[in-house]
Protein backbone atom coordinates (compact mmCIF):
# COMPACT_ATOMS: atom_id res chain seq x y z
CA UNK A 1 28.35 -11.51 -10.29
CA UNK A 2 28.58 -12.32 -13.97
CA UNK A 3 28.85 -9.21 -16.09
CA UNK A 4 29.22 -8.58 -19.80
CA UNK A 5 32.63 -7.15 -20.51
CA UNK A 6 33.09 -4.19 -22.83
CA UNK A 7 36.36 -3.54 -24.59
CA UNK A 8 37.66 -0.06 -24.07
CA UNK A 9 40.70 1.38 -25.83
CA UNK A 10 43.01 3.41 -23.62
CA UNK A 11 46.59 4.48 -24.38
CA UNK A 12 46.93 1.72 -26.92
CA UNK A 13 45.83 -0.99 -24.47
CA UNK A 14 42.66 -3.02 -24.40
CA UNK A 15 41.05 -2.72 -21.00
CA UNK A 16 37.98 -4.50 -19.75
CA UNK A 17 35.18 -2.77 -17.82
CA UNK A 18 31.73 -3.86 -16.71
CA UNK A 19 29.09 -2.99 -19.28
CA UNK A 20 26.06 -1.41 -17.62
CA UNK A 21 22.82 -3.26 -18.25
CA UNK A 22 19.79 -0.99 -18.58
CA UNK A 23 17.05 -1.70 -16.06
CA UNK A 24 13.77 0.19 -16.34
CA UNK A 25 11.89 0.82 -13.12
CA UNK A 26 8.43 2.31 -12.74
CA UNK A 27 7.60 4.37 -9.69
CA UNK A 28 4.14 3.97 -8.21
CA UNK A 29 3.47 7.74 -8.37
CA UNK A 30 5.35 10.98 -8.88
CA UNK A 31 8.71 11.22 -7.05
CA UNK A 32 8.28 11.81 -3.32
CA UNK A 33 9.80 10.94 0.04
CA UNK A 34 8.93 7.26 -0.40
CA UNK A 35 11.45 7.02 -3.23
CA UNK A 36 14.45 8.78 -1.70
CA UNK A 37 16.54 5.59 -1.18
CA UNK A 38 16.11 4.73 -4.86
CA UNK A 39 17.49 8.11 -5.93
CA UNK A 40 20.22 7.87 -3.28
CA UNK A 41 21.34 4.58 -4.81
CA UNK A 42 21.41 6.27 -8.21
CA UNK A 43 23.20 9.44 -7.15
CA UNK A 44 25.69 7.65 -4.87
CA UNK A 45 26.66 5.41 -7.79
CA UNK A 46 25.49 2.14 -6.26
CA UNK A 47 23.71 1.01 -9.40
CA UNK A 48 26.74 1.88 -11.52
CA UNK A 49 29.00 -0.06 -9.14
CA UNK A 50 26.73 -3.07 -9.59
CA UNK A 51 26.95 -2.74 -13.37
CA UNK A 52 23.37 -1.55 -13.74
CA UNK A 53 22.12 1.56 -15.52
CA UNK A 54 18.59 2.48 -14.47
CA UNK A 55 15.87 4.36 -16.28
CA UNK A 56 13.20 5.63 -13.86
CA UNK A 57 9.69 5.94 -15.25
CA UNK A 58 6.82 7.93 -13.68
CA UNK A 59 3.46 6.31 -14.50
CA UNK A 60 0.43 8.27 -15.66
CA UNK A 61 -1.78 6.28 -13.30
CA UNK A 62 -0.96 4.43 -10.05
CA UNK A 63 -2.58 1.30 -11.48
CA UNK A 64 -0.13 1.19 -14.40
CA UNK A 65 3.09 -0.15 -12.79
CA UNK A 66 1.89 -3.74 -12.36
CA UNK A 67 0.64 -3.78 -15.95
CA UNK A 68 3.93 -2.42 -17.24
CA UNK A 69 5.94 -5.06 -15.37
CA UNK A 70 3.61 -7.84 -16.51
CA UNK A 71 3.98 -6.68 -20.12
CA UNK A 72 7.77 -6.39 -19.65
CA UNK A 73 7.64 -2.72 -20.60
CA UNK A 74 9.70 -2.19 -17.43
CA UNK A 75 11.90 -4.60 -15.51
CA UNK A 76 10.83 -3.48 -12.01
CA UNK A 77 7.68 -1.80 -10.75
CA UNK A 78 6.98 -0.24 -7.38
CA UNK A 79 3.44 -0.88 -6.23
CA UNK A 80 1.44 -1.35 -3.01
CA UNK A 81 1.22 -4.96 -1.87
CA UNK A 82 -2.57 -4.81 -2.13
CA UNK A 83 -2.40 -3.72 -5.78
CA UNK A 84 0.01 -6.54 -6.50
CA UNK A 85 -2.22 -9.20 -4.95
CA UNK A 86 -5.20 -7.93 -6.93
CA UNK A 87 -3.10 -8.05 -10.11
CA UNK A 88 -2.00 -11.60 -9.36
CA UNK A 89 -5.62 -12.62 -8.86
CA UNK A 90 -6.30 -11.17 -12.31
CA UNK A 91 -3.60 -13.58 -13.54
CA UNK A 92 -0.96 -11.02 -14.41
CA UNK A 93 2.43 -12.77 -14.54
CA UNK A 94 4.29 -11.16 -11.65
CA UNK A 95 6.33 -12.01 -8.57
CA UNK A 96 7.41 -9.81 -5.65
CA UNK A 97 11.17 -9.59 -5.13
CA UNK A 98 11.71 -6.87 -2.51
CA UNK A 99 10.27 -3.89 -0.66
CA UNK A 100 10.94 -0.19 -0.28
CA UNK A 101 8.35 0.69 2.41
CA UNK A 102 7.58 -2.24 4.70
CA UNK A 103 4.66 -0.87 6.73
CA UNK A 104 1.27 0.63 5.86
CA UNK A 105 0.85 4.35 5.29
CA UNK A 106 -2.91 4.63 4.88
CA UNK A 107 -5.84 5.48 7.11
CA UNK A 108 -8.61 7.99 7.61
CA UNK A 109 -7.99 11.62 8.52
CA UNK A 110 -10.53 14.10 9.89
CA UNK A 111 -10.37 17.53 11.52
CA UNK A 112 -10.64 18.25 15.22
CA UNK A 113 -12.10 21.63 14.28
CA UNK A 114 -15.14 19.72 13.03
CA UNK A 115 -15.63 17.94 16.34
CA UNK A 116 -13.83 14.70 15.51
CA UNK A 117 -11.69 13.25 18.30
CA UNK A 118 -12.30 9.53 17.90
CA UNK A 119 -13.60 7.24 15.20
CA UNK A 120 -17.07 7.11 16.78
CA UNK A 121 -17.45 10.78 15.90
CA UNK A 122 -17.57 9.79 12.21
CA UNK A 123 -20.69 7.65 12.62
CA UNK A 124 -23.29 8.82 10.09
CA UNK A 125 -20.78 11.13 8.40
CA UNK A 126 -19.44 11.44 4.82
CA UNK A 127 -16.17 9.79 3.88
CA UNK A 128 -14.29 10.93 0.78
CA UNK A 129 -12.17 8.51 -1.20
CA UNK A 130 -10.23 8.35 -4.46
CA UNK A 131 -9.75 4.66 -5.25
CA UNK A 132 -12.67 2.33 -5.90
CA UNK A 133 -13.46 -0.39 -5.01
CA UNK A 134 -10.55 -0.69 -2.58
CA UNK A 135 -11.02 2.31 -0.30
CA UNK A 136 -14.72 1.82 0.53
CA UNK A 137 -13.93 -1.75 1.58
CA UNK A 138 -11.00 -0.63 3.75
CA UNK A 139 -13.06 2.05 5.47
CA UNK A 140 -16.00 -0.30 6.00
CA UNK A 141 -13.57 -2.66 7.75
CA UNK A 142 -12.33 0.19 9.92
CA UNK A 143 -15.86 1.16 10.96
CA UNK A 144 -16.92 -2.46 11.59
CA UNK A 145 -13.86 -2.91 13.78
CA UNK A 146 -14.82 0.13 15.85
CA UNK A 147 -18.39 -1.11 16.29
CA UNK A 148 -19.85 1.48 13.90
CA UNK A 149 -22.47 0.44 11.35
CA UNK A 150 -20.89 1.23 7.95
CA UNK A 151 -24.32 1.43 6.33
CA UNK A 152 -24.83 4.69 8.18
CA UNK A 153 -21.66 6.18 6.69
CA UNK A 154 -21.84 7.78 3.25
CA UNK A 155 -18.92 6.96 0.95
CA UNK A 156 -18.29 9.66 -1.66
CA UNK A 157 -15.84 9.37 -4.54
CA UNK A 158 -14.12 12.76 -4.67
CA UNK A 159 -11.36 11.70 -7.05
CA UNK A 160 -7.89 12.88 -6.13
CA UNK A 161 -9.22 16.18 -4.72
CA UNK A 162 -9.42 14.70 -1.26
CA UNK A 163 -7.84 17.56 0.71
CA UNK A 164 -10.06 20.15 -0.95
CA UNK A 165 -13.15 18.02 -0.29
CA UNK A 166 -12.25 17.80 3.39
CA UNK A 167 -11.32 21.42 4.10
CA UNK A 168 -14.35 22.79 2.24
CA UNK A 169 -16.65 20.57 4.29
CA UNK A 170 -17.93 18.48 1.40
CA UNK A 171 -16.87 15.39 3.38
CA UNK A 172 -16.03 14.79 7.03
CA UNK A 173 -13.02 12.50 6.57
CA UNK A 174 -10.84 11.23 3.74
CA UNK A 175 -8.52 8.38 2.98
CA UNK A 176 -5.00 9.69 3.50
CA UNK A 177 -1.34 8.82 3.92
CA UNK A 178 0.16 9.50 7.31
CA UNK A 179 3.37 10.77 5.75
CA UNK A 180 1.79 13.34 3.44
CA UNK A 181 -1.86 14.45 3.63
CA UNK A 182 -1.87 14.57 7.43
CA UNK A 183 1.17 16.84 7.32
CA UNK A 184 -0.31 18.87 4.48
CA UNK A 185 -3.37 19.61 6.59
CA UNK A 186 -1.15 20.75 9.45
CA UNK A 187 0.74 23.03 7.08
CA UNK A 188 -2.60 24.53 6.03
CA UNK A 189 -3.29 25.39 9.66
CA UNK A 190 -5.69 22.57 10.54
CA UNK A 191 -5.57 20.11 13.44
CA UNK A 192 -5.95 16.67 11.85
CA UNK A 193 -6.73 13.43 13.66
CA UNK A 194 -5.52 10.27 11.94
CA UNK A 195 -6.92 6.76 12.29
CA UNK A 196 -4.34 4.24 11.07
CA UNK A 197 -6.02 1.46 9.10
CA UNK A 198 -3.95 -1.30 10.73
CA UNK A 199 -5.25 -0.22 14.15
CA UNK A 200 -8.79 -1.10 13.02
CA UNK A 201 -8.68 -4.68 11.71
CA UNK A 202 -7.12 -4.03 8.30
CA UNK A 203 -4.12 -6.40 8.05
CA UNK A 204 -0.72 -4.79 7.97
CA UNK A 205 0.86 -4.44 4.53
CA UNK A 206 4.11 -3.78 2.77
CA UNK A 207 3.20 -0.36 1.43
CA UNK A 208 5.63 -0.43 -1.50
CA UNK A 209 7.06 -3.61 -2.97
CA UNK A 210 9.15 -4.40 -6.02
CA UNK A 211 7.53 -6.69 -8.59
CA UNK A 212 8.87 -8.21 -11.79
CA UNK A 213 7.83 -10.59 -14.53
CA UNK A 214 9.01 -14.09 -13.49
CA UNK A 215 10.96 -14.44 -16.74
CA UNK A 216 13.23 -11.59 -15.64
CA UNK A 217 14.61 -13.80 -12.89
CA UNK A 218 15.08 -16.70 -15.29
CA UNK A 219 16.77 -14.61 -17.97
CA UNK A 220 18.56 -11.78 -16.10
CA UNK A 221 18.90 -12.95 -12.53
CA UNK A 222 22.35 -11.43 -11.97
CA UNK A 223 21.25 -8.01 -13.17
CA UNK A 224 18.00 -8.18 -11.19
CA UNK A 225 19.87 -9.15 -8.03
CA UNK A 226 22.34 -6.32 -8.66
CA UNK A 227 19.47 -3.84 -8.82
CA UNK A 228 18.03 -5.04 -5.50
CA UNK A 229 21.48 -4.97 -3.85
CA UNK A 230 22.00 -1.38 -4.97
CA UNK A 231 18.57 -0.37 -3.68
CA UNK A 232 19.29 -2.06 -0.35
CA UNK A 233 22.50 -0.05 -0.11
CA UNK A 234 20.51 3.10 -0.88
CA UNK A 235 18.12 2.30 1.96
CA UNK A 236 21.00 1.64 4.37
CA UNK A 237 22.80 4.88 3.48
CA UNK A 238 19.57 6.88 3.75
CA UNK A 239 18.97 5.53 7.25
CA UNK A 240 22.56 6.30 8.28
CA UNK A 241 22.78 9.73 6.62
CA UNK A 242 19.22 11.12 6.46
CA UNK A 243 20.16 14.79 6.07
CA UNK A 244 22.56 14.03 3.23
CA UNK A 245 20.03 11.72 1.56
CA UNK A 246 17.40 14.44 1.63
CA UNK A 247 19.88 16.97 0.23
CA UNK A 248 20.63 14.63 -2.70
CA UNK A 249 16.93 14.28 -3.41
CA UNK A 250 16.38 18.04 -3.35
CA UNK A 251 19.40 18.58 -5.60
CA UNK A 252 17.64 16.36 -8.13
CA UNK A 253 14.17 17.83 -7.50
CA UNK A 254 14.63 21.42 -6.30
CA UNK A 255 10.94 22.22 -6.78
CA UNK A 256 10.17 19.74 -3.98
CA UNK A 257 12.45 21.47 -1.47
CA UNK A 258 9.89 22.77 1.01
CA UNK A 259 8.80 22.26 4.60
CA UNK A 260 6.10 19.74 3.71
CA UNK A 261 8.45 17.40 1.87
CA UNK A 262 11.04 17.71 4.63
CA UNK A 263 8.46 16.67 7.20
CA UNK A 264 7.22 13.92 4.91
CA UNK A 265 10.73 12.48 4.76
CA UNK A 266 11.03 12.58 8.57
CA UNK A 267 7.80 10.60 8.86
CA UNK A 268 8.85 8.11 6.18
CA UNK A 269 12.40 7.48 7.39
CA UNK A 270 11.51 4.79 9.99
CA UNK A 271 9.40 2.93 7.41
CA UNK A 272 12.02 2.07 4.79
CA UNK A 273 12.48 -1.68 4.40
CA UNK A 274 15.87 -2.63 5.82
CA UNK A 275 17.62 -4.91 3.38
CA UNK A 276 14.72 -4.36 0.96
CA UNK A 277 13.11 -7.30 2.76
CA UNK A 278 9.51 -8.32 2.05
CA UNK A 279 9.55 -11.88 3.38
CA UNK A 280 7.22 -12.11 6.38
CA UNK A 281 4.94 -14.98 5.34
CA UNK A 282 2.35 -14.09 7.98
CA UNK A 283 1.90 -10.64 6.43
CA UNK A 284 1.33 -12.21 3.02
CA UNK A 285 -1.06 -14.85 4.31
CA UNK A 286 -3.18 -12.46 6.37
CA UNK A 287 -3.48 -9.81 3.66
CA UNK A 288 -4.33 -12.29 0.91
CA UNK A 289 -6.98 -13.94 3.11
CA UNK A 290 -8.49 -10.54 3.92
CA UNK A 291 -8.70 -9.50 0.28
CA UNK A 292 -10.35 -12.82 -0.60
CA UNK A 293 -12.97 -12.48 2.12
CA UNK A 294 -13.70 -8.94 0.96
CA UNK A 295 -14.13 -10.07 -2.65
CA UNK A 296 -11.22 -8.02 -3.96
CA UNK A 297 -9.45 -11.14 -5.21
CA UNK A 298 -10.88 -14.38 -6.55
CA UNK A 299 -7.72 -16.49 -6.65
CA UNK A 300 -5.50 -17.26 -3.65
CA UNK A 301 -1.95 -18.46 -4.20
CA UNK A 302 0.44 -20.41 -1.99
CA UNK A 303 2.66 -17.83 -0.31
CA UNK A 304 5.77 -19.26 -1.95
CA UNK A 305 4.28 -18.36 -5.34
CA UNK A 306 3.70 -14.73 -4.36
CA UNK A 307 7.24 -13.70 -3.50
CA UNK A 308 10.83 -14.84 -3.73
CA UNK A 309 13.84 -13.94 -1.61
CA UNK A 310 16.44 -15.09 -4.15
CA UNK A 311 17.24 -11.54 -5.30
CA UNK A 312 17.65 -10.13 -1.79
CA UNK A 313 21.17 -9.51 -0.47
CA UNK A 314 22.24 -12.87 0.95
CA UNK A 315 19.11 -14.48 -0.54
């Protein structure tokens, strides 16, 4: 890899050393189990070994990362594949270059204490959601798939207070992540039942992908590829040394060291994208077609314009 060389004086000699290039990366949300391989790569020195210095940014809103990458306020942004495709349809200049989580996390969760055992039990009930217009469309798909008339289900925007809305009985089910809210409900003493969205006609997705402005590849390809290589190494080491990876994360974020986050990591571990790969064309084609049919996007792109593999290790 080409690197800028810095001159360093040492004992009267001029030595050369790789000069770290700063790469700004936006998370999709506050730090959590999804991001552990990224912090592993940082704390194990993989970015430094690749000649990259990273600056991790926590967005104020989950919709911000794609905008920040498109505006080149950050070099990399983590975002759900669905959010990325919507942003591309809105003509934001972006391209996907890798993945961190390569399977979906979302679905509906309800409580067995309230008489819910199967999806049919939610017919005519109230569904709480946080993200419009996406979530109502996802949950309508789920109900259609199960043979339930969605018009008989009441969709209620409860903001981000989804758990409170469910446990207080204001709604009968909520949109949730299988690696967090489901576990949170168990920790609160409830018996949740989870309906994975991909089991009910919602196409599978890459839950968290890496996106960049296309000019980054043209102008700083070596540095961008170095970042993805380091992340891939972080994923590999996390999979091989999960207990140590979690310990590194808790050393950095001691306030997160609790039973819930430990369980969340256990649930997330099998979902990290090996090799940071995001290159299953069928996944891209099916999801983009679904979003178009549902009216969430108005422009469809050839798959080869949506993602590139040139930054992946061996790409």
